[in-house]
Amino acid sequence: ESVFVVIGGGATGTAVATAAGALGADVRVVSARNRPALDDALAEADFVSLHIPLAAETERLVDASFLSRLKPSCCFINTARGPIVDEGALL
């Protein structure tokens, strides 16, 4: 069973979580503000789907440190806009 982590529990995040659950994934919806829960979820994730707005606390949330917590085989899905993801860290 794949672990599908949804960051952001708004309307879009909830819809994605519902769809992933219907496909049999072990879904975990976490808040970007709850760093301990987010870090724990990232370490177990097979998929991470990002659904959060740009705000002071989310700018560059996905940086080299964030990405280092993911398994090498993890699929990262970025639907967020703006500088939430440090694109340089992806390379």
Protein backbone atom coordinates (compact mmCIF):
# COMPACT_ATOMS: atom_id res chain seq x y z
CA GLU A 1 0.00 0.00 0.00
CA SER A 2 1.42 3.36 -1.04
CA VAL A 3 1.63 6.25 1.39
CA PHE A 4 0.17 9.38 -0.24
CA VAL A 5 0.86 12.58 1.68
CA VAL A 6 -1.28 15.62 0.94
CA ILE A 7 0.09 18.91 2.25
CA GLY A 8 -2.84 21.26 2.70
CA GLY A 9 -6.34 20.29 3.74
CA GLY A 10 -8.33 22.83 1.76
CA ALA A 11 -10.83 21.99 -0.98
CA THR A 12 -8.24 20.85 -3.53
CA GLY A 13 -6.16 18.91 -1.02
CA THR A 14 -9.27 17.18 0.31
CA ALA A 15 -10.38 16.23 -3.21
CA VAL A 16 -6.95 14.79 -4.02
CA ALA A 17 -6.91 12.89 -0.71
CA THR A 18 -10.32 11.40 -1.47
CA ALA A 19 -9.21 10.30 -4.94
CA ALA A 20 -5.96 8.78 -3.65
CA GLY A 21 -7.86 6.93 -0.94
CA ALA A 22 -10.30 5.55 -3.52
CA LEU A 23 -7.29 4.12 -5.36
CA GLY A 24 -6.21 2.29 -2.23
CA ALA A 25 -3.47 4.58 -0.94
CA ASP A 26 -2.78 5.15 2.74
CA VAL A 27 -3.58 8.88 2.73
CA ARG A 28 -2.16 11.35 5.23
CA VAL A 29 -3.28 14.96 5.11
CA VAL A 30 -0.88 17.26 6.95
CA SER A 31 -0.57 20.97 7.52
CA ALA A 32 2.53 22.84 6.44
CA ARG A 33 2.36 24.56 9.83
CA ASN A 34 2.73 21.31 11.80
CA ARG A 35 6.40 20.69 11.10
CA PRO A 36 6.84 17.56 13.28
CA ALA A 37 3.86 15.81 11.63
CA LEU A 38 5.00 16.96 8.19
CA ASP A 39 8.55 15.67 8.72
CA ASP A 40 7.24 12.28 9.93
CA ALA A 41 4.91 11.97 6.94
CA LEU A 42 7.62 12.91 4.43
CA ALA A 43 9.89 10.13 5.65
CA GLU A 44 7.21 7.52 4.87
CA ALA A 45 5.76 9.03 1.69
CA ASP A 46 5.66 7.32 -1.68
CA PHE A 47 3.82 10.35 -3.08
CA VAL A 48 3.69 13.94 -1.85
CA SER A 49 1.09 16.31 -3.28
CA LEU A 50 1.41 20.00 -2.42
CA HIS A 51 -1.78 22.12 -2.14
CA ILE A 52 -1.03 25.25 -0.13
CA PRO A 53 -1.18 28.98 -0.77
CA LEU A 54 1.87 31.20 -0.80
CA ALA A 55 2.31 32.96 2.54
CA ALA A 56 5.26 34.11 4.60
CA GLU A 57 5.43 30.76 6.41
CA THR A 58 5.16 28.68 3.21
CA GLU A 59 7.65 30.56 1.05
CA ARG A 60 10.46 28.14 0.16
CA LEU A 61 8.85 25.41 2.29
CA VAL A 62 10.15 22.87 -0.21
CA ASP A 63 13.88 23.35 0.01
CA ALA A 64 16.89 21.03 0.07
CA SER A 65 16.15 20.03 3.67
CA PHE A 66 12.52 19.15 2.81
CA LEU A 67 13.58 17.12 -0.22
CA SER A 68 16.26 15.26 1.75
CA ARG A 69 13.52 13.80 3.97
CA LEU A 70 11.88 12.06 0.99
CA LYS A 71 12.69 8.54 -0.11
CA PRO A 72 14.64 8.50 -3.40
CA SER A 73 11.65 6.80 -5.06
CA CYS A 74 9.09 9.37 -3.84
CA CYS A 75 7.03 11.20 -6.46
CA PHE A 76 6.62 14.91 -5.64
CA ILE A 77 3.56 16.62 -7.16
CA ASN A 78 3.62 20.41 -7.02
CA THR A 79 0.29 22.12 -7.70
CA ALA A 80 1.20 25.19 -5.65
CA ARG A 81 2.07 28.48 -7.30
CA GLY A 82 4.77 30.95 -6.50
CA PRO A 83 8.03 30.44 -4.65
CA ILE A 84 6.83 27.69 -2.28
CA VAL A 85 9.29 25.38 -4.00
CA ASP A 86 12.93 26.34 -4.21
CA GLU A 87 13.45 25.27 -7.81
CA GLY A 88 17.22 25.22 -7.39
CA ALA A 89 16.87 22.55 -4.71
CA LEU A 90 15.09 20.26 -7.17
CA LEU A 91 18.16 20.01 -9.40
